[in-house]
Amino acid sequence: MDADASAQGLSGFNDWGLVVDIVKTAEDMGFELAGPIEASAIECKRELRDYCNPEECPQYASCWSCPPGAGSFEECCERIAACSGGVVVQTVREGVDFNDVETLAEIRTLHNGRLDELADAVRGEGEGVYAFTTGGCRVCPTCTYPDGPCRYPQKQRLSLSAHGVDVAALCERAGIEYGFESGTIRFVGMVLQ
């Protein structure tokens, strides 16, 4: 993390020392990239949320973290706005065959496991912690949606897409690299409080 680049826009975050510690913790957990983000710097875009529909996404209506279970677009934006800030993280792998579904699943599992660990570490610092990832929650093998309440609401992985988050802009504002290179996969996550 470049401290000068990452410090921009963090004046409203409660404790800069804690933010630096959380970024360091994320890096120590194995995330290849990590950077701080102020919640007010996160833009929710309805046109991105609109990709969450039954024609474009197999996760639609399959879990509490994806629409319609995640709540309305407005509710999702309010959830982010109620936070102070947090950390954006990436798990990056090069030389990946995008047709190798098993390898992609292994990388996603590794990424989400690290994200859960980071969110648990931040939860030790206080209440109101949210973990966001690409795709649906996948904490439970089978979600209770829509027949029953979420089994683990405090561990739920929220969908960046369901919240209309522009992942490229998010990474840029957190001071970390993002792009689509041939053979490189980047799983992005975020922990907000």
Protein backbone atom coordinates (compact mmCIF):
# COMPACT_ATOMS: atom_id res chain seq x y z
CA MET A 1 0.00 0.00 0.00
CA ASP A 2 1.25 3.48 -0.87
CA ALA A 3 0.43 5.44 2.30
CA ASP A 4 0.12 8.78 0.49
CA ALA A 5 -2.14 7.42 -2.26
CA SER A 6 -4.20 5.39 0.19
CA ALA A 7 -4.68 8.25 2.62
CA GLN A 8 -6.71 10.32 0.18
CA GLY A 9 -10.34 10.67 1.13
CA LEU A 10 -10.06 9.08 4.58
CA SER A 11 -10.65 12.13 6.75
CA GLY A 12 -14.02 10.81 7.90
CA PHE A 13 -12.83 7.34 8.92
CA ASN A 14 -12.84 6.98 12.68
CA ASP A 15 -9.27 5.84 13.39
CA TRP A 16 -6.47 6.07 10.80
CA GLY A 17 -4.19 3.88 12.95
CA LEU A 18 -6.83 1.15 12.96
CA VAL A 19 -7.24 1.42 9.18
CA VAL A 20 -3.48 1.00 8.66
CA ASP A 21 -3.55 -2.01 11.01
CA ILE A 22 -6.44 -3.59 9.10
CA VAL A 23 -4.71 -3.10 5.74
CA LYS A 24 -1.55 -4.68 7.20
CA THR A 25 -3.64 -7.54 8.62
CA ALA A 26 -5.17 -8.12 5.16
CA GLU A 27 -1.72 -8.23 3.57
CA ASP A 28 -0.48 -10.61 6.30
CA MET A 29 -3.46 -12.89 5.57
CA GLY A 30 -2.21 -13.25 2.01
CA PHE A 31 -4.26 -10.77 0.01
CA GLU A 32 -2.05 -9.60 -2.82
CA LEU A 33 -3.51 -6.08 -2.72
CA ALA A 34 -5.24 -4.12 0.04
CA GLY A 35 -6.14 -0.47 0.46
CA PRO A 36 -8.37 1.70 2.64
CA ILE A 37 -11.63 3.20 1.44
CA GLU A 38 -13.98 5.76 2.93
CA ALA A 39 -17.63 4.73 2.55
CA SER A 40 -18.50 8.14 1.11
CA ALA A 41 -16.09 7.40 -1.78
CA ILE A 42 -18.06 4.30 -2.81
CA GLU A 43 -20.51 4.99 -5.62
CA CYS A 44 -23.56 2.79 -6.05
CA LYS A 45 -24.77 2.70 -9.65
CA ARG A 46 -28.25 1.51 -10.53
CA GLU A 47 -27.12 0.43 -14.02
CA LEU A 48 -24.68 -2.04 -12.41
CA ARG A 49 -27.32 -3.32 -10.00
CA ASP A 50 -29.59 -3.87 -13.01
CA TYR A 51 -27.30 -6.75 -14.12
CA CYS A 52 -28.69 -8.61 -11.10
CA ASN A 53 -31.67 -10.14 -12.87
CA PRO A 54 -32.76 -13.69 -13.74
CA GLU A 55 -31.66 -13.40 -17.37
CA GLU A 56 -28.09 -12.30 -16.60
CA CYS A 57 -27.14 -13.85 -13.26
CA PRO A 58 -27.61 -17.41 -11.97
CA GLN A 59 -27.35 -16.14 -8.38
CA TYR A 60 -30.50 -14.00 -8.73
CA ALA A 61 -33.12 -14.97 -6.12
CA SER A 62 -30.87 -17.74 -4.80
CA CYS A 63 -29.62 -16.23 -1.53
CA TRP A 64 -30.10 -13.40 0.96
CA SER A 65 -27.12 -11.43 -0.37
CA CYS A 66 -28.41 -11.21 -3.96
CA PRO A 67 -31.55 -9.45 -5.24
CA PRO A 68 -34.29 -9.50 -4.34
CA GLY A 69 -33.19 -10.88 -0.94
CA ALA A 70 -30.48 -8.23 -0.54
CA GLY A 71 -33.10 -5.49 -0.43
CA SER A 72 -33.91 -2.69 -2.82
CA PHE A 73 -31.17 -0.73 -4.57
CA GLU A 74 -31.90 2.17 -2.21
CA GLU A 75 -31.57 -0.07 0.86
CA CYS A 76 -28.25 -1.39 -0.41
CA CYS A 77 -26.94 2.15 -0.97
CA GLU A 78 -28.09 3.13 2.53
CA ARG A 79 -26.25 0.13 4.02
CA ILE A 80 -22.96 1.38 2.55
CA ALA A 81 -23.65 5.02 3.42
CA ALA A 82 -24.21 4.07 7.08
CA CYS A 83 -20.60 2.87 7.33
CA SER A 84 -17.51 5.00 7.92
CA GLY A 85 -15.06 3.08 5.76
CA GLY A 86 -12.96 -0.02 5.52
CA VAL A 87 -10.58 -2.00 3.37
CA VAL A 88 -10.71 -3.21 -0.25
CA VAL A 89 -8.79 -6.44 -0.92
CA GLN A 90 -7.83 -8.59 -3.88
CA THR A 91 -6.74 -12.16 -4.41
CA VAL A 92 -4.79 -12.19 -7.69
CA ARG A 93 -3.65 -15.22 -9.67
CA GLU A 94 -1.76 -15.19 -12.96
CA GLY A 95 -1.57 -17.94 -15.55
CA VAL A 96 -5.17 -18.99 -14.99
CA ASP A 97 -7.15 -20.93 -17.59
CA PHE A 98 -10.62 -19.38 -17.38
CA ASN A 99 -12.13 -22.66 -18.64
CA ASP A 100 -10.72 -24.50 -15.61
CA VAL A 101 -13.80 -24.23 -13.40
CA GLU A 102 -12.21 -26.26 -10.58
CA THR A 103 -9.21 -23.92 -10.28
CA LEU A 104 -11.45 -20.85 -10.38
CA ALA A 105 -13.60 -22.35 -7.59
CA GLU A 106 -10.46 -23.04 -5.50
CA ILE A 107 -9.30 -19.45 -5.89
CA ARG A 108 -12.76 -18.11 -4.99
CA THR A 109 -12.85 -20.36 -1.90
CA LEU A 110 -9.41 -19.14 -0.83
CA HIS A 111 -10.42 -15.50 -1.39
CA ASN A 112 -13.70 -15.82 0.51
CA GLY A 113 -11.99 -17.68 3.37
CA ARG A 114 -9.50 -14.84 3.75
CA LEU A 115 -12.32 -12.31 3.51
CA ASP A 116 -14.21 -14.08 6.31
CA GLU A 117 -11.07 -14.10 8.45
CA LEU A 118 -10.49 -10.38 7.83
CA ALA A 119 -14.13 -9.53 8.60
CA ASP A 120 -13.89 -11.51 11.85
CA ALA A 121 -10.75 -9.56 12.80
CA VAL A 122 -12.53 -6.26 12.13
CA ARG A 123 -15.63 -7.46 14.03
CA GLY A 124 -13.35 -7.76 17.05
CA GLU A 125 -13.03 -3.97 16.83
CA GLY A 126 -16.77 -3.26 16.96
CA GLU A 127 -20.26 -3.78 15.57
CA GLY A 128 -21.78 -3.11 12.16
CA VAL A 129 -19.18 -4.90 10.03
CA TYR A 130 -20.06 -6.01 6.51
CA ALA A 131 -18.07 -8.26 4.16
CA PHE A 132 -18.64 -7.78 0.42
CA THR A 133 -17.48 -10.09 -2.36
CA THR A 134 -18.05 -10.81 -6.02
CA GLY A 135 -20.93 -13.19 -6.61
CA GLY A 136 -23.32 -14.45 -4.00
CA CYS A 137 -22.73 -15.26 -0.35
CA ARG A 138 -21.96 -19.02 -0.42
CA VAL A 139 -21.36 -19.24 3.35
CA CYS A 140 -23.89 -22.08 3.59
CA PRO A 141 -24.04 -24.99 1.14
CA THR A 142 -27.76 -24.26 0.72
CA CYS A 143 -29.22 -20.86 1.55
CA THR A 144 -32.49 -20.59 3.45
CA TYR A 145 -33.71 -17.93 0.98
CA PRO A 146 -36.65 -17.31 0.62
CA ASP A 147 -38.17 -19.81 3.06
CA GLY A 148 -36.40 -18.83 6.26
CA PRO A 149 -34.16 -16.17 7.73
CA CYS A 150 -30.41 -16.14 7.10
CA ARG A 151 -28.68 -18.64 9.40
CA TYR A 152 -25.60 -16.43 9.89
CA PRO A 153 -26.50 -12.79 9.17
CA GLN A 154 -23.33 -11.56 10.87
CA LYS A 155 -21.19 -13.75 8.57
CA GLN A 156 -23.13 -13.10 5.36
CA ARG A 157 -21.00 -12.06 2.39
CA LEU A 158 -22.84 -9.28 0.61
CA SER A 159 -22.67 -8.95 -3.15
CA LEU A 160 -20.80 -5.97 -4.58
CA SER A 161 -23.00 -6.22 -7.68
CA ALA A 162 -26.22 -6.23 -5.66
CA HIS A 163 -25.06 -2.93 -4.17
CA GLY A 164 -24.25 -1.52 -7.62
CA VAL A 165 -20.58 -1.05 -6.74
CA ASP A 166 -18.28 -0.22 -9.66
CA VAL A 167 -15.37 -2.52 -8.75
CA ALA A 168 -12.84 -0.74 -11.00
CA ALA A 169 -13.65 2.65 -9.44
CA LEU A 170 -13.65 1.09 -5.96
CA CYS A 171 -10.13 -0.29 -6.45
CA GLU A 172 -8.89 2.99 -7.94
CA ARG A 173 -10.24 4.95 -4.97
CA ALA A 174 -8.60 2.48 -2.57
CA GLY A 175 -5.29 3.00 -4.36
CA ILE A 176 -4.97 -0.56 -5.67
CA GLU A 177 -4.55 -1.88 -9.19
CA TYR A 178 -7.44 -3.44 -11.10
CA GLY A 179 -7.81 -4.62 -14.66
CA PHE A 180 -8.56 -7.46 -17.02
CA GLU A 181 -5.32 -9.04 -18.17
CA SER A 182 -5.25 -12.24 -20.20
CA GLY A 183 -4.78 -15.20 -17.89
CA THR A 184 -5.06 -13.13 -14.69
CA ILE A 185 -7.99 -13.33 -12.31
CA ARG A 186 -8.72 -10.79 -9.59
CA PHE A 187 -11.26 -11.60 -6.90
CA VAL A 188 -12.23 -8.39 -5.11
CA GLY A 189 -13.66 -8.06 -1.64
CA MET A 190 -14.35 -5.29 0.85
CA VAL A 191 -14.88 -5.09 4.58
CA LEU A 192 -16.78 -2.02 5.82
CA GLN A 193 -17.65 -0.77 9.27
